[in-house]
Amino acid sequence: MPDQGVLERLRGQLVVSCQANPDSPLRDSFIISRLALAAVKGGAGGLRIQGFDDVQAVRAVTDLPIIGLTKTDRADTDIYITPTSAEAVRLAELGAQVVAVDATLRPRPEPLGDIIGAVHAAGALVMADISTLAEAHAAVQMGADIVSTTMSGYTPYSPQSGYPDWALMTALHADGLPFAAEGRLNTPADAARALTLGAQCVVVGSAITRPDVVTRWFTQALQG
């Protein structure tokens, strides 16, 4: 059975997403594990890690809760984050206590309920990455343990903004849905505000672990 205590360990915590794009100089599982250890040293309460090799490498160096996911480009669907139960189960087997899955209401290669069931059978919890309140309700009804605002702005029918989706966080809290705040949380003030809006935990990636992205923020600002 999944360990529900993992979510309690994450309550009120910063979860650092340690990921690197394929073309990044940081794209190496050993480097990802070092980024994870740096996050641990800074006080992170959990880690969000992409890919089998990276999950395995990070699991070997820390016992912090890992939210695992895959990113898979498929010709038959826009579903990108952990689109199949086979990928989800493998993440659990490699040590991810929570598996993140795309829970948007778009055509998918495998029913979301089947993936959730497979993850639970493998002993892990499910974080449903959603872009709207309706998707959050649907995911929870199918058995997701927690939802995350990750996909807001990445579906054509969700708000397109350069800022965190504060309205979605407010609505999730009002409806009593457990959620993680993720997406465009680029400052400590953003992270703190997300907690005040009811987030169980806050996931931050680019602003901490992607220096190429942060450098681009500065260079673009200087270019006007």
Protein backbone atom coordinates (compact mmCIF):
# COMPACT_ATOMS: atom_id res chain seq x y z
CA MET A 1 0.00 0.00 0.00
CA PRO A 2 1.18 3.55 -0.70
CA ASP A 3 2.64 5.41 2.26
CA GLN A 4 0.32 8.36 2.88
CA GLY A 5 2.85 9.68 5.38
CA VAL A 6 4.94 10.91 2.47
CA LEU A 7 2.49 13.73 1.88
CA GLU A 8 2.72 14.70 5.53
CA ARG A 9 6.51 14.83 5.21
CA LEU A 10 6.05 17.25 2.32
CA ARG A 11 3.51 19.49 4.05
CA GLY A 12 4.75 23.06 4.17
CA GLN A 13 7.99 22.09 2.44
CA LEU A 14 9.90 23.30 -0.58
CA VAL A 15 10.21 20.64 -3.27
CA VAL A 16 13.05 21.36 -5.66
CA SER A 17 12.69 20.17 -9.24
CA CYS A 18 16.10 19.02 -10.47
CA GLN A 19 15.81 18.60 -14.22
CA ALA A 20 17.86 19.50 -17.28
CA ASN A 21 16.80 19.69 -20.91
CA PRO A 22 18.52 17.34 -23.38
CA ASP A 23 20.63 20.22 -24.75
CA SER A 24 21.68 21.53 -21.33
CA PRO A 25 25.31 21.25 -20.17
CA LEU A 26 23.81 19.86 -16.94
CA ARG A 27 22.19 16.91 -18.73
CA ASP A 28 23.88 14.12 -16.83
CA SER A 29 22.45 11.93 -14.07
CA PHE A 30 25.47 12.45 -11.84
CA ILE A 31 25.11 16.21 -12.15
CA ILE A 32 21.39 15.95 -11.39
CA SER A 33 22.25 14.03 -8.23
CA ARG A 34 24.65 16.83 -7.22
CA LEU A 35 21.93 19.42 -7.83
CA ALA A 36 19.66 17.34 -5.63
CA LEU A 37 22.25 17.23 -2.85
CA ALA A 38 22.70 21.01 -3.11
CA ALA A 39 18.92 21.38 -2.71
CA VAL A 40 19.00 19.07 0.31
CA LYS A 41 21.78 21.17 1.84
CA GLY A 42 19.65 24.26 1.32
CA GLY A 43 16.73 22.75 3.23
CA ALA A 44 14.53 21.21 0.54
CA GLY A 45 11.95 18.80 1.90
CA GLY A 46 11.46 16.89 -1.34
CA LEU A 47 12.69 16.55 -4.92
CA ARG A 48 10.96 16.34 -8.29
CA ILE A 49 13.05 14.26 -10.67
CA GLN A 50 12.53 13.37 -14.34
CA GLY A 51 13.60 10.12 -15.96
CA PHE A 52 14.53 6.64 -14.81
CA ASP A 53 18.28 7.21 -14.65
CA ASP A 54 17.94 10.44 -12.71
CA VAL A 55 15.47 8.99 -10.22
CA GLN A 56 17.82 6.07 -9.62
CA ALA A 57 20.83 8.38 -9.20
CA VAL A 58 19.06 10.71 -6.79
CA ARG A 59 17.53 7.85 -4.80
CA ALA A 60 21.05 6.57 -4.21
CA VAL A 61 22.18 9.76 -2.46
CA THR A 62 19.18 10.86 -0.39
CA ASP A 63 16.16 9.49 1.42
CA LEU A 64 14.06 12.62 0.85
CA PRO A 65 10.70 12.03 -0.85
CA ILE A 66 11.07 11.90 -4.62
CA ILE A 67 8.30 12.90 -7.01
CA GLY A 68 9.23 11.01 -10.16
CA LEU A 69 8.06 11.56 -13.71
CA THR A 70 8.97 10.92 -17.32
CA LYS A 71 8.70 13.29 -20.25
CA THR A 72 7.85 11.39 -23.40
CA ASP A 73 7.15 12.91 -26.83
CA ARG A 74 4.57 10.81 -28.67
CA ALA A 75 3.09 11.29 -32.11
CA ASP A 76 -0.33 10.08 -30.99
CA THR A 77 -0.97 12.45 -28.06
CA ASP A 78 -0.13 15.77 -26.46
CA ILE A 79 0.13 14.02 -23.09
CA TYR A 80 3.78 14.47 -22.15
CA ILE A 81 4.32 13.78 -18.46
CA THR A 82 4.33 10.06 -17.59
CA PRO A 83 1.79 9.06 -20.26
CA THR A 84 1.71 5.30 -19.55
CA SER A 85 1.35 3.00 -16.58
CA ALA A 86 4.52 1.14 -17.58
CA GLU A 87 6.58 4.31 -17.14
CA ALA A 88 4.76 5.21 -13.94
CA VAL A 89 5.32 1.81 -12.36
CA ARG A 90 9.00 1.82 -13.30
CA LEU A 91 9.46 5.14 -11.52
CA ALA A 92 7.92 3.65 -8.37
CA GLU A 93 10.18 0.62 -8.64
CA LEU A 94 13.23 2.90 -8.81
CA GLY A 95 12.31 4.66 -5.60
CA ALA A 96 9.89 7.47 -6.39
CA GLN A 97 7.38 7.54 -3.53
CA VAL A 98 5.16 9.85 -5.59
CA VAL A 99 4.65 9.60 -9.35
CA ALA A 100 3.56 12.71 -11.25
CA VAL A 101 1.26 12.19 -14.24
CA ASP A 102 -0.35 14.50 -16.75
CA ALA A 103 -4.00 14.64 -15.70
CA THR A 104 -5.24 17.16 -18.25
CA LEU A 105 -8.48 16.36 -20.04
CA ARG A 106 -6.87 15.80 -23.42
CA PRO A 107 -6.85 12.63 -25.55
CA ARG A 108 -4.42 10.21 -23.94
CA PRO A 109 -2.79 6.89 -24.82
CA GLU A 110 -4.02 5.20 -21.65
CA PRO A 111 -6.90 5.98 -19.26
CA LEU A 112 -5.79 8.07 -16.30
CA GLY A 113 -7.65 5.81 -13.89
CA ASP A 114 -5.62 2.82 -15.09
CA ILE A 115 -2.34 4.66 -14.48
CA ILE A 116 -3.43 5.73 -11.01
CA GLY A 117 -4.41 2.18 -10.15
CA ALA A 118 -1.11 0.80 -11.42
CA VAL A 119 0.91 3.31 -9.39
CA HIS A 120 -1.00 2.51 -6.22
CA ALA A 121 -0.52 -1.20 -6.82
CA ALA A 122 3.22 -0.51 -7.10
CA GLY A 123 3.16 1.12 -3.67
CA ALA A 124 3.48 4.79 -4.68
CA LEU A 125 1.24 7.84 -4.53
CA VAL A 126 -0.02 9.84 -7.51
CA MET A 127 0.43 13.56 -8.11
CA ALA A 128 -1.93 14.66 -10.86
CA ASP A 129 -0.54 17.56 -12.89
CA ILE A 130 -3.56 19.66 -13.85
CA SER A 131 -4.30 22.96 -15.59
CA THR A 132 -7.85 23.66 -14.41
CA LEU A 133 -10.12 23.14 -11.43
CA ALA A 134 -12.29 20.70 -13.40
CA GLU A 135 -9.26 18.53 -14.15
CA ALA A 136 -8.34 18.55 -10.47
CA HIS A 137 -11.77 17.31 -9.44
CA ALA A 138 -11.72 14.60 -12.10
CA ALA A 139 -8.27 13.39 -11.04
CA VAL A 140 -9.18 13.23 -7.36
CA GLN A 141 -12.36 11.34 -8.19
CA MET A 142 -10.21 8.80 -10.06
CA GLY A 143 -8.00 8.33 -7.01
CA ALA A 144 -5.15 10.83 -7.32
CA ASP A 145 -3.64 11.56 -3.91
CA ILE A 146 -2.73 15.19 -4.62
CA VAL A 147 -2.94 17.52 -7.60
CA SER A 148 -0.41 20.07 -8.80
CA THR A 149 -0.88 23.29 -10.75
CA THR A 150 2.00 22.28 -13.04
CA MET A 151 0.09 22.33 -16.31
CA SER A 152 -1.64 25.71 -15.99
CA GLY A 153 -0.56 27.68 -19.03
CA TYR A 154 0.48 24.56 -20.92
CA THR A 155 -2.97 23.69 -22.22
CA PRO A 156 -4.72 26.01 -24.69
CA TYR A 157 -7.78 26.32 -22.46
CA SER A 158 -5.93 27.35 -19.27
CA PRO A 159 -4.80 30.92 -18.47
CA GLN A 160 -1.76 31.99 -20.46
CA SER A 161 0.29 34.12 -18.11
CA GLY A 162 3.84 34.77 -17.03
CA TYR A 163 2.77 34.55 -13.41
CA PRO A 164 1.74 31.71 -11.08
CA ASP A 165 -1.92 30.75 -11.35
CA TRP A 166 -3.02 32.26 -8.05
CA ALA A 167 -6.69 31.98 -9.01
CA LEU A 168 -6.41 28.24 -9.56
CA MET A 169 -4.67 27.80 -6.20
CA THR A 170 -7.41 29.79 -4.48
CA ALA A 171 -10.12 27.69 -6.14
CA LEU A 172 -8.43 24.39 -5.27
CA HIS A 173 -8.19 25.41 -1.62
CA ALA A 174 -11.80 26.63 -1.56
CA ASP A 175 -12.95 23.24 -2.85
CA GLY A 176 -10.86 21.35 -0.29
CA LEU A 177 -8.59 19.69 -2.83
CA PRO A 178 -5.04 18.85 -1.70
CA PHE A 179 -2.59 20.54 -4.03
CA ALA A 180 1.03 21.36 -4.69
CA ALA A 181 1.82 24.74 -6.17
CA GLU A 182 4.05 24.57 -9.24
CA GLY A 183 4.66 26.75 -12.25
CA ARG A 184 6.35 30.14 -12.61
CA LEU A 185 7.11 30.42 -8.87
CA ASN A 186 10.31 32.35 -9.39
CA THR A 187 10.89 34.10 -6.06
CA PRO A 188 10.83 33.21 -2.36
CA ALA A 189 7.87 35.58 -2.03
CA ASP A 190 5.96 33.57 -4.64
CA ALA A 191 6.63 30.36 -2.75
CA ALA A 192 5.50 31.86 0.55
CA ARG A 193 2.33 33.23 -1.02
CA ALA A 194 1.46 29.81 -2.43
CA LEU A 195 1.51 28.37 1.09
CA THR A 196 -0.80 31.11 2.35
CA LEU A 197 -3.22 30.18 -0.44
CA GLY A 198 -3.41 26.62 0.86
CA ALA A 199 -0.73 24.69 -1.00
CA GLN A 200 0.48 21.60 0.86
CA CYS A 201 3.94 22.09 -0.65
CA VAL A 202 5.63 24.30 -3.20
CA VAL A 203 7.60 22.99 -6.19
CA VAL A 204 10.29 25.26 -7.66
CA GLY A 205 12.55 24.26 -10.51
CA SER A 206 13.96 26.77 -12.99
CA ALA A 207 14.70 29.54 -10.49
CA ILE A 208 16.89 27.17 -8.47
CA THR A 209 18.33 24.48 -10.72
CA ARG A 210 18.41 25.85 -14.28
CA PRO A 211 21.11 28.53 -14.47
CA ASP A 212 20.82 28.71 -18.26
CA VAL A 213 17.17 29.73 -17.92
CA VAL A 214 17.82 32.22 -15.14
CA THR A 215 20.71 33.73 -17.08
CA ARG A 216 18.35 34.23 -20.01
CA TRP A 217 15.94 36.16 -17.74
CA PHE A 218 18.74 38.59 -16.95
CA THR A 219 20.17 38.91 -20.46
CA GLN A 220 16.73 39.53 -21.96
CA ALA A 221 16.03 42.18 -19.33
CA LEU A 222 19.29 43.95 -20.17
CA GLN A 223 18.42 43.88 -23.86
CA GLY A 224 15.19 45.72 -23.09
